[in-house]
């Protein structure tokens, strides 16, 4: 049973490291310029919420529900999304810093990463079928046993994806970034 229910509320400039976030269900809420860094959001449900300019770095998200949630211009370094509540999981990211985060084994098809920094993110064994990586930097991101079928990498940069170790059917790439698919073959492209 959830402790509290919050509907259509706006939270601005709240530092949840000193003002503890209440456990419960947040429906259609907006969090603007809030600090969640390093706190536990475990067992909280965020449904149709929007996070704008928030700091989520190293936040513990064990059993946290993100259902139809958007993150815009958020700092989210080191978040272990693989611990979230997978039921109806649906989120999108725009202009976010997600370096060193993990989506290990998550089923998150149709996820949008737009203009994000995804350096050293772990996508191992995740289902990212039909996802979008628009203008995102995937330097040192890990793809191993990952389903990226029908995903769009045409404007993504710095990715290294081994076609033999991932599902790529109908994925989209641009001619200028094809070397990201060939790095594992140790060939020289000039």
Protein backbone atom coordinates (compact mmCIF):
# COMPACT_ATOMS: atom_id res chain seq x y z
CA UNK A 1 0.00 0.00 0.00
CA UNK A 2 1.34 3.42 -0.95
CA UNK A 3 1.75 6.04 1.74
CA UNK A 4 0.47 9.05 -0.21
CA UNK A 5 -1.04 10.12 -3.52
CA UNK A 6 0.01 13.31 -5.33
CA UNK A 7 -1.81 14.47 -8.46
CA UNK A 8 -0.93 17.28 -10.91
CA UNK A 9 1.47 19.01 -8.54
CA UNK A 10 4.57 21.03 -9.45
CA UNK A 11 7.74 20.82 -7.39
CA UNK A 12 10.34 23.53 -8.05
CA UNK A 13 13.86 23.92 -6.68
CA UNK A 14 13.39 21.32 -3.94
CA UNK A 15 16.50 19.67 -2.52
CA UNK A 16 15.29 16.19 -1.66
CA UNK A 17 18.67 15.44 -0.04
CA UNK A 18 17.56 17.64 2.87
CA UNK A 19 13.76 17.55 2.42
CA UNK A 20 12.96 13.85 2.20
CA UNK A 21 10.65 12.91 -0.67
CA UNK A 22 7.42 11.34 0.52
CA UNK A 23 6.81 7.74 -0.50
CA UNK A 24 3.73 7.32 -2.64
CA UNK A 25 2.34 7.72 -6.13
CA UNK A 26 3.02 10.87 -8.12
CA UNK A 27 0.59 11.25 -11.05
CA UNK A 28 1.01 13.94 -13.72
CA UNK A 29 3.49 15.87 -11.58
CA UNK A 30 6.31 18.16 -12.75
CA UNK A 31 9.67 18.31 -10.99
CA UNK A 32 11.61 21.41 -12.04
CA UNK A 33 15.22 22.01 -10.98
CA UNK A 34 15.01 19.53 -8.07
CA UNK A 35 17.91 17.65 -6.48
CA UNK A 36 17.51 13.89 -6.05
CA UNK A 37 21.26 13.18 -5.95
CA UNK A 38 22.09 9.99 -4.08
CA UNK A 39 18.70 9.63 -2.37
CA UNK A 40 16.45 6.56 -2.27
CA UNK A 41 13.37 6.81 -4.47
CA UNK A 42 12.74 3.12 -3.86
CA UNK A 43 9.12 1.96 -4.09
CA UNK A 44 7.87 5.35 -5.33
CA UNK A 45 5.64 5.47 -8.43
CA UNK A 46 6.03 8.24 -10.99
CA UNK A 47 3.21 8.12 -13.54
CA UNK A 48 3.00 10.59 -16.45
CA UNK A 49 5.55 12.83 -14.71
CA UNK A 50 8.11 15.21 -16.16
CA UNK A 51 11.54 15.93 -14.68
CA UNK A 52 13.17 19.13 -15.98
CA UNK A 53 16.72 20.29 -15.09
CA UNK A 54 16.90 17.84 -12.17
CA UNK A 55 19.93 16.15 -10.65
CA UNK A 56 19.33 12.40 -10.41
CA UNK A 57 23.00 11.37 -10.18
CA UNK A 58 23.59 8.19 -8.15
CA UNK A 59 19.93 8.08 -7.12
CA UNK A 60 18.86 4.65 -5.86
CA UNK A 61 15.85 3.54 -7.91
CA UNK A 62 15.13 0.06 -6.51
CA UNK A 63 11.53 -0.83 -7.41
CA UNK A 64 10.87 2.77 -8.48
CA UNK A 65 8.12 2.87 -11.11
CA UNK A 66 8.57 5.14 -14.13
CA UNK A 67 5.43 4.95 -16.25
CA UNK A 68 5.25 7.41 -19.17
CA UNK A 69 7.93 9.64 -17.63
CA UNK A 70 10.11 12.17 -19.46
CA UNK A 71 13.48 13.49 -18.33
CA UNK A 72 14.60 16.78 -19.90
CA UNK A 73 18.06 18.29 -19.37
CA UNK A 74 18.65 16.12 -16.31
CA UNK A 75 21.97 15.03 -14.82
CA UNK A 76 21.61 11.27 -14.23
CA UNK A 77 25.15 9.96 -13.82
CA UNK A 78 25.55 6.46 -12.38
CA UNK A 79 21.86 5.54 -12.10
CA UNK A 80 21.22 1.77 -12.01
CA UNK A 81 17.95 1.71 -13.97
CA UNK A 82 18.18 -2.09 -14.07
CA UNK A 83 16.78 -2.05 -10.49
CA UNK A 84 13.54 -0.18 -11.34
CA UNK A 85 10.07 -1.72 -11.31
CA UNK A 86 9.80 -3.18 -14.83
CA UNK A 87 5.98 -3.22 -14.90
CA UNK A 88 4.75 -0.77 -17.57
CA UNK A 89 8.21 0.85 -17.61
CA UNK A 90 8.22 3.72 -20.11
CA UNK A 91 10.51 6.73 -20.11
CA UNK A 92 12.27 9.10 -22.50
CA UNK A 93 15.37 11.26 -22.23
CA UNK A 94 16.15 14.59 -23.91
CA UNK A 95 19.35 16.53 -23.33
CA UNK A 96 20.33 14.30 -20.39
CA UNK A 97 23.72 13.29 -19.00
CA UNK A 98 23.41 9.54 -18.39
CA UNK A 99 27.10 8.64 -18.17
CA UNK A 100 27.95 5.43 -16.28
CA UNK A 101 24.28 4.47 -15.89
CA UNK A 102 22.96 0.95 -16.44
CA UNK A 103 19.99 -0.42 -18.35
CA UNK A 104 21.20 -4.04 -18.00
CA UNK A 105 18.55 -6.58 -19.12
CA UNK A 106 15.75 -3.97 -19.16
CA UNK A 107 12.90 -4.30 -21.63
CA UNK A 108 12.57 -0.71 -22.85
CA UNK A 109 11.52 -0.82 -26.52
CA UNK A 110 10.73 2.47 -28.26
CA UNK A 111 12.80 4.49 -25.78
CA UNK A 112 13.96 7.89 -27.02
CA UNK A 113 17.41 9.22 -26.22
CA UNK A 114 17.60 12.65 -27.87
CA UNK A 115 20.76 14.74 -27.62
CA UNK A 116 22.00 12.71 -24.64
CA UNK A 117 25.45 11.89 -23.37
CA UNK A 118 25.52 8.11 -22.87
CA UNK A 119 29.21 7.61 -22.18
CA UNK A 120 30.00 4.20 -20.64
CA UNK A 121 26.31 3.29 -20.28
CA UNK A 122 25.61 -0.44 -19.96
CA UNK A 123 22.93 -1.64 -22.40
CA UNK A 124 23.97 -5.32 -22.09
CA UNK A 125 21.13 -7.78 -22.78
CA UNK A 126 18.58 -4.95 -22.89
CA UNK A 127 15.64 -4.88 -25.30
CA UNK A 128 15.86 -1.52 -27.08
CA UNK A 129 13.86 -2.61 -30.11
CA UNK A 130 12.70 0.38 -32.18
CA UNK A 131 14.49 2.93 -29.97
CA UNK A 132 15.89 6.30 -31.05
CA UNK A 133 19.43 7.53 -30.33
CA UNK A 134 19.14 10.94 -31.96
CA UNK A 135 22.28 13.12 -31.77
CA UNK A 136 23.48 11.12 -28.76
CA UNK A 137 27.08 10.34 -27.81
CA UNK A 138 27.60 6.63 -27.07
CA UNK A 139 31.33 6.73 -26.30
CA UNK A 140 32.32 3.46 -24.55
CA UNK A 141 28.65 2.41 -24.18
CA UNK A 142 28.31 -1.36 -23.85
CA UNK A 143 26.11 -3.32 -26.26
CA UNK A 144 26.34 -7.07 -25.70
CA UNK A 145 23.42 -9.41 -26.35
CA UNK A 146 21.33 -6.28 -26.88
CA UNK A 147 18.24 -6.15 -29.08
CA UNK A 148 18.51 -2.95 -31.11
CA UNK A 149 16.41 -4.15 -34.03
CA UNK A 150 14.67 -1.29 -35.88
CA UNK A 151 16.51 1.25 -33.69
CA UNK A 152 17.76 4.49 -35.19
CA UNK A 153 21.46 5.37 -34.81
CA UNK A 154 21.68 7.61 -37.91
CA UNK A 155 22.73 10.70 -35.95
CA UNK A 156 24.39 8.94 -32.99
CA UNK A 157 28.16 9.20 -32.57
CA UNK A 158 31.03 7.25 -31.00
CA UNK A 159 29.19 3.93 -30.74
CA UNK A 160 30.94 0.56 -30.91
CA UNK A 161 28.43 -2.21 -31.66
CA UNK A 162 29.53 -5.69 -32.62
CA UNK A 163 27.01 -7.06 -35.18
CA UNK A 164 27.87 -10.64 -34.13
CA UNK A 165 26.94 -10.05 -30.49
CA UNK A 166 23.74 -8.00 -30.87
CA UNK A 167 20.42 -8.16 -32.73
CA UNK A 168 20.55 -5.49 -35.45
CA UNK A 169 17.90 -6.44 -37.99
CA UNK A 170 16.48 -3.32 -39.67
CA UNK A 171 18.45 -0.95 -37.39
CA UNK A 172 19.30 2.35 -39.08
CA UNK A 173 22.83 3.77 -39.36
CA UNK A 174 24.32 6.53 -41.48
CA UNK A 175 27.14 5.84 -43.92
CA UNK A 176 29.40 8.25 -42.04
CA UNK A 177 29.19 6.29 -38.77
CA UNK A 178 29.41 2.73 -40.10
CA UNK A 179 32.88 2.36 -38.59
CA UNK A 180 31.14 1.95 -35.21
CA UNK A 181 29.88 -1.41 -36.47
CA UNK A 182 33.29 -2.49 -37.73
CA UNK A 183 35.62 -1.64 -34.82
CA UNK A 184 35.47 -5.17 -33.44
CA UNK A 185 36.91 -6.50 -36.71
CA UNK A 186 40.12 -4.47 -36.25
CA UNK A 187 40.13 -3.29 -39.82
CA UNK A 188 41.42 0.04 -41.06
CA UNK A 189 38.90 2.40 -42.64
CA UNK A 190 40.27 5.39 -44.56
